[in-house]
Amino acid sequence: MRRILIDRARKRGRKRHGHGLQRVDLNGVDVAMTSDDNTLLLVNEALEKLESEAPEKAALVKLRYFAGLSIEDASEALGISPATAKRNWAFARAWIIMFLMS
């Protein structure tokens, strides 16, 4: 599902890397299907970088942002406790925001 959404977003508005960067607020999680294309591409770029450094946290972001799962459902799918999922989610949100601001 992620690949389909990313390919669709890329086809709609191909811009040079870095053009039109904007801040993405992940506090109010919005399922990717209702996000605009620019936000989707920004989150995907940040997610690819996070995946190389912290794959378990990136997997949580994929489940929460792209699949729309709750913390409880995502933690169950990943086989971790809800408390660990909350900590990983807080870390991943902060990491993605810092990546987008740099």
C-alpha atoms as a PDB file:
ATOM      1  CA  MET A   1       0.000   0.000   0.000  1.00  0.00           C
ATOM      2  CA  ARG A   2       2.838   2.366   0.862  1.00  0.00           C
ATOM      3  CA  ARG A   3       4.483   1.894  -2.551  1.00  0.00           C
ATOM      4  CA  ILE A   4       1.222   2.612  -4.370  1.00  0.00           C
ATOM      5  CA  LEU A   5       0.668   5.820  -2.409  1.00  0.00           C
ATOM      6  CA  ILE A   6       4.245   6.989  -2.920  1.00  0.00           C
ATOM      7  CA  ASP A   7       4.235   6.273  -6.669  1.00  0.00           C
ATOM      8  CA  ARG A   8       0.926   8.118  -7.050  1.00  0.00           C
ATOM      9  CA  ALA A   9       2.244  11.134  -5.147  1.00  0.00           C
ATOM     10  CA  ARG A  10       5.435  11.230  -7.227  1.00  0.00           C
ATOM     11  CA  LYS A  11       3.507  11.126 -10.502  1.00  0.00           C
ATOM     12  CA  ARG A  12       1.287  14.039  -9.486  1.00  0.00           C
ATOM     13  CA  GLY A  13       3.946  16.583  -8.669  1.00  0.00           C
ATOM     14  CA  ARG A  14       7.530  15.937  -9.579  1.00  0.00           C
ATOM     15  CA  LYS A  15       9.710  18.636  -8.119  1.00  0.00           C
ATOM     16  CA  ARG A  16      13.393  18.866  -7.520  1.00  0.00           C
ATOM     17  CA  HIS A  17      14.607  17.596  -4.163  1.00  0.00           C
ATOM     18  CA  GLY A  18      14.146  20.211  -1.516  1.00  0.00           C
ATOM     19  CA  HIS A  19      11.799  22.415  -3.503  1.00  0.00           C
ATOM     20  CA  GLY A  20       8.781  23.517  -1.507  1.00  0.00           C
ATOM     21  CA  LEU A  21       9.761  21.862   1.778  1.00  0.00           C
ATOM     22  CA  GLN A  22       7.230  22.315   4.518  1.00  0.00           C
ATOM     23  CA  ARG A  23       6.867  21.314   8.125  1.00  0.00           C
ATOM     24  CA  VAL A  24       4.879  18.160   8.851  1.00  0.00           C
ATOM     25  CA  ASP A  25       3.020  17.856  12.159  1.00  0.00           C
ATOM     26  CA  LEU A  26       2.745  14.203  13.190  1.00  0.00           C
ATOM     27  CA  ASN A  27       1.077  14.909  16.542  1.00  0.00           C
ATOM     28  CA  GLY A  28      -2.392  14.509  15.076  1.00  0.00           C
ATOM     29  CA  VAL A  29      -1.769  11.391  13.043  1.00  0.00           C
ATOM     30  CA  ASP A  30      -3.501  11.617   9.707  1.00  0.00           C
ATOM     31  CA  VAL A  31      -3.826   8.490   7.624  1.00  0.00           C
ATOM     32  CA  ALA A  32      -1.834   8.852   4.417  1.00  0.00           C
ATOM     33  CA  MET A  33      -4.911   8.421   2.220  1.00  0.00           C
ATOM     34  CA  THR A  34      -6.191  11.830   3.370  1.00  0.00           C
ATOM     35  CA  SER A  35      -2.809  13.609   3.331  1.00  0.00           C
ATOM     36  CA  ASP A  36      -1.762  15.867   0.504  1.00  0.00           C
ATOM     37  CA  ASP A  37       0.924  14.621  -1.861  1.00  0.00           C
ATOM     38  CA  ASN A  38       3.663  16.952  -0.629  1.00  0.00           C
ATOM     39  CA  THR A  39       3.204  15.833   2.970  1.00  0.00           C
ATOM     40  CA  LEU A  40       3.195  12.208   1.884  1.00  0.00           C
ATOM     41  CA  LEU A  41       6.462  12.615  -0.011  1.00  0.00           C
ATOM     42  CA  LEU A  42       8.129  14.480   2.857  1.00  0.00           C
ATOM     43  CA  VAL A  43       7.151  11.828   5.379  1.00  0.00           C
ATOM     44  CA  ASN A  44       8.315   9.065   3.032  1.00  0.00           C
ATOM     45  CA  GLU A  45      11.726  10.693   2.544  1.00  0.00           C
ATOM     46  CA  ALA A  46      12.169  11.086   6.296  1.00  0.00           C
ATOM     47  CA  LEU A  47      10.927   7.538   6.867  1.00  0.00           C
ATOM     48  CA  GLU A  48      13.510   6.104   4.472  1.00  0.00           C
ATOM     49  CA  LYS A  49      16.287   7.828   6.449  1.00  0.00           C
ATOM     50  CA  LEU A  50      14.822   6.681   9.782  1.00  0.00           C
ATOM     51  CA  GLU A  51      14.553   3.133   8.458  1.00  0.00           C
ATOM     52  CA  SER A  52      18.315   2.986   7.884  1.00  0.00           C
ATOM     53  CA  GLU A  53      18.995   4.087  11.480  1.00  0.00           C
ATOM     54  CA  ALA A  54      16.115   2.603  13.477  1.00  0.00           C
ATOM     55  CA  PRO A  55      14.119   0.001  11.520  1.00  0.00           C
ATOM     56  CA  GLU A  56      11.863  -0.940  14.449  1.00  0.00           C
ATOM     57  CA  LYS A  57      10.762   2.676  14.890  1.00  0.00           C
ATOM     58  CA  ALA A  58      10.253   3.088  11.149  1.00  0.00           C
ATOM     59  CA  ALA A  59       8.028  -0.002  11.131  1.00  0.00           C
ATOM     60  CA  LEU A  60       5.873   1.623  13.806  1.00  0.00           C
ATOM     61  CA  VAL A  61       5.569   4.823  11.746  1.00  0.00           C
ATOM     62  CA  LYS A  62       4.505   2.796   8.719  1.00  0.00           C
ATOM     63  CA  LEU A  63       1.770   1.087  10.693  1.00  0.00           C
ATOM     64  CA  ARG A  64       0.557   4.280  12.371  1.00  0.00           C
ATOM     65  CA  TYR A  65       0.822   6.733   9.470  1.00  0.00           C
ATOM     66  CA  PHE A  66       0.324   4.641   6.358  1.00  0.00           C
ATOM     67  CA  ALA A  67      -2.004   1.955   7.722  1.00  0.00           C
ATOM     68  CA  GLY A  68      -3.790   4.126  10.288  1.00  0.00           C
ATOM     69  CA  LEU A  69      -3.383   1.718  13.202  1.00  0.00           C
ATOM     70  CA  SER A  70      -3.656   2.853  16.810  1.00  0.00           C
ATOM     71  CA  ILE A  71      -0.752   2.516  19.243  1.00  0.00           C
ATOM     72  CA  GLU A  72      -2.326  -0.589  20.719  1.00  0.00           C
ATOM     73  CA  ASP A  73      -2.940  -2.251  17.347  1.00  0.00           C
ATOM     74  CA  ALA A  74       0.526  -1.363  16.049  1.00  0.00           C
ATOM     75  CA  SER A  75       2.213  -2.637  19.214  1.00  0.00           C
ATOM     76  CA  GLU A  76       0.330  -5.912  18.913  1.00  0.00           C
ATOM     77  CA  ALA A  77       1.313  -6.252  15.244  1.00  0.00           C
ATOM     78  CA  LEU A  78       4.977  -5.623  16.079  1.00  0.00           C
ATOM     79  CA  GLY A  79       4.964  -7.818  19.175  1.00  0.00           C
ATOM     80  CA  ILE A  80       5.981  -5.048  21.578  1.00  0.00           C
ATOM     81  CA  SER A  81       4.259  -3.536  24.597  1.00  0.00           C
ATOM     82  CA  PRO A  82       2.040  -0.450  24.180  1.00  0.00           C
ATOM     83  CA  ALA A  83       4.435   1.494  26.449  1.00  0.00           C
ATOM     84  CA  THR A  84       7.379   0.670  24.180  1.00  0.00           C
ATOM     85  CA  ALA A  85       5.299   1.605  21.153  1.00  0.00           C
ATOM     86  CA  LYS A  86       4.467   4.981  22.735  1.00  0.00           C
ATOM     87  CA  ARG A  87       8.149   5.660  23.438  1.00  0.00           C
ATOM     88  CA  ASN A  88       9.141   4.606  19.924  1.00  0.00           C
ATOM     89  CA  TRP A  89       6.352   6.733  18.437  1.00  0.00           C
ATOM     90  CA  ALA A  90       7.497   9.808  20.409  1.00  0.00           C
ATOM     91  CA  PHE A  91      11.094   9.229  19.284  1.00  0.00           C
ATOM     92  CA  ALA A  92      10.118   8.689  15.644  1.00  0.00           C
ATOM     93  CA  ARG A  93       7.920  11.813  15.574  1.00  0.00           C
ATOM     94  CA  ALA A  94      10.718  13.935  17.009  1.00  0.00           C
ATOM     95  CA  TRP A  95      13.279  12.391  14.652  1.00  0.00           C
ATOM     96  CA  ILE A  96      11.131  12.993  11.563  1.00  0.00           C
ATOM     97  CA  ILE A  97      10.387  16.583  12.569  1.00  0.00           C
ATOM     98  CA  MET A  98      14.101  17.264  13.142  1.00  0.00           C
ATOM     99  CA  PHE A  99      14.911  15.676   9.782  1.00  0.00           C
ATOM    100  CA  LEU A 100      12.353  17.846   8.012  1.00  0.00           C
ATOM    101  CA  MET A 101      13.587  21.012   9.700  1.00  0.00           C
ATOM    102  CA  SER A 102      17.205  20.446   8.700  1.00  0.00           C
END
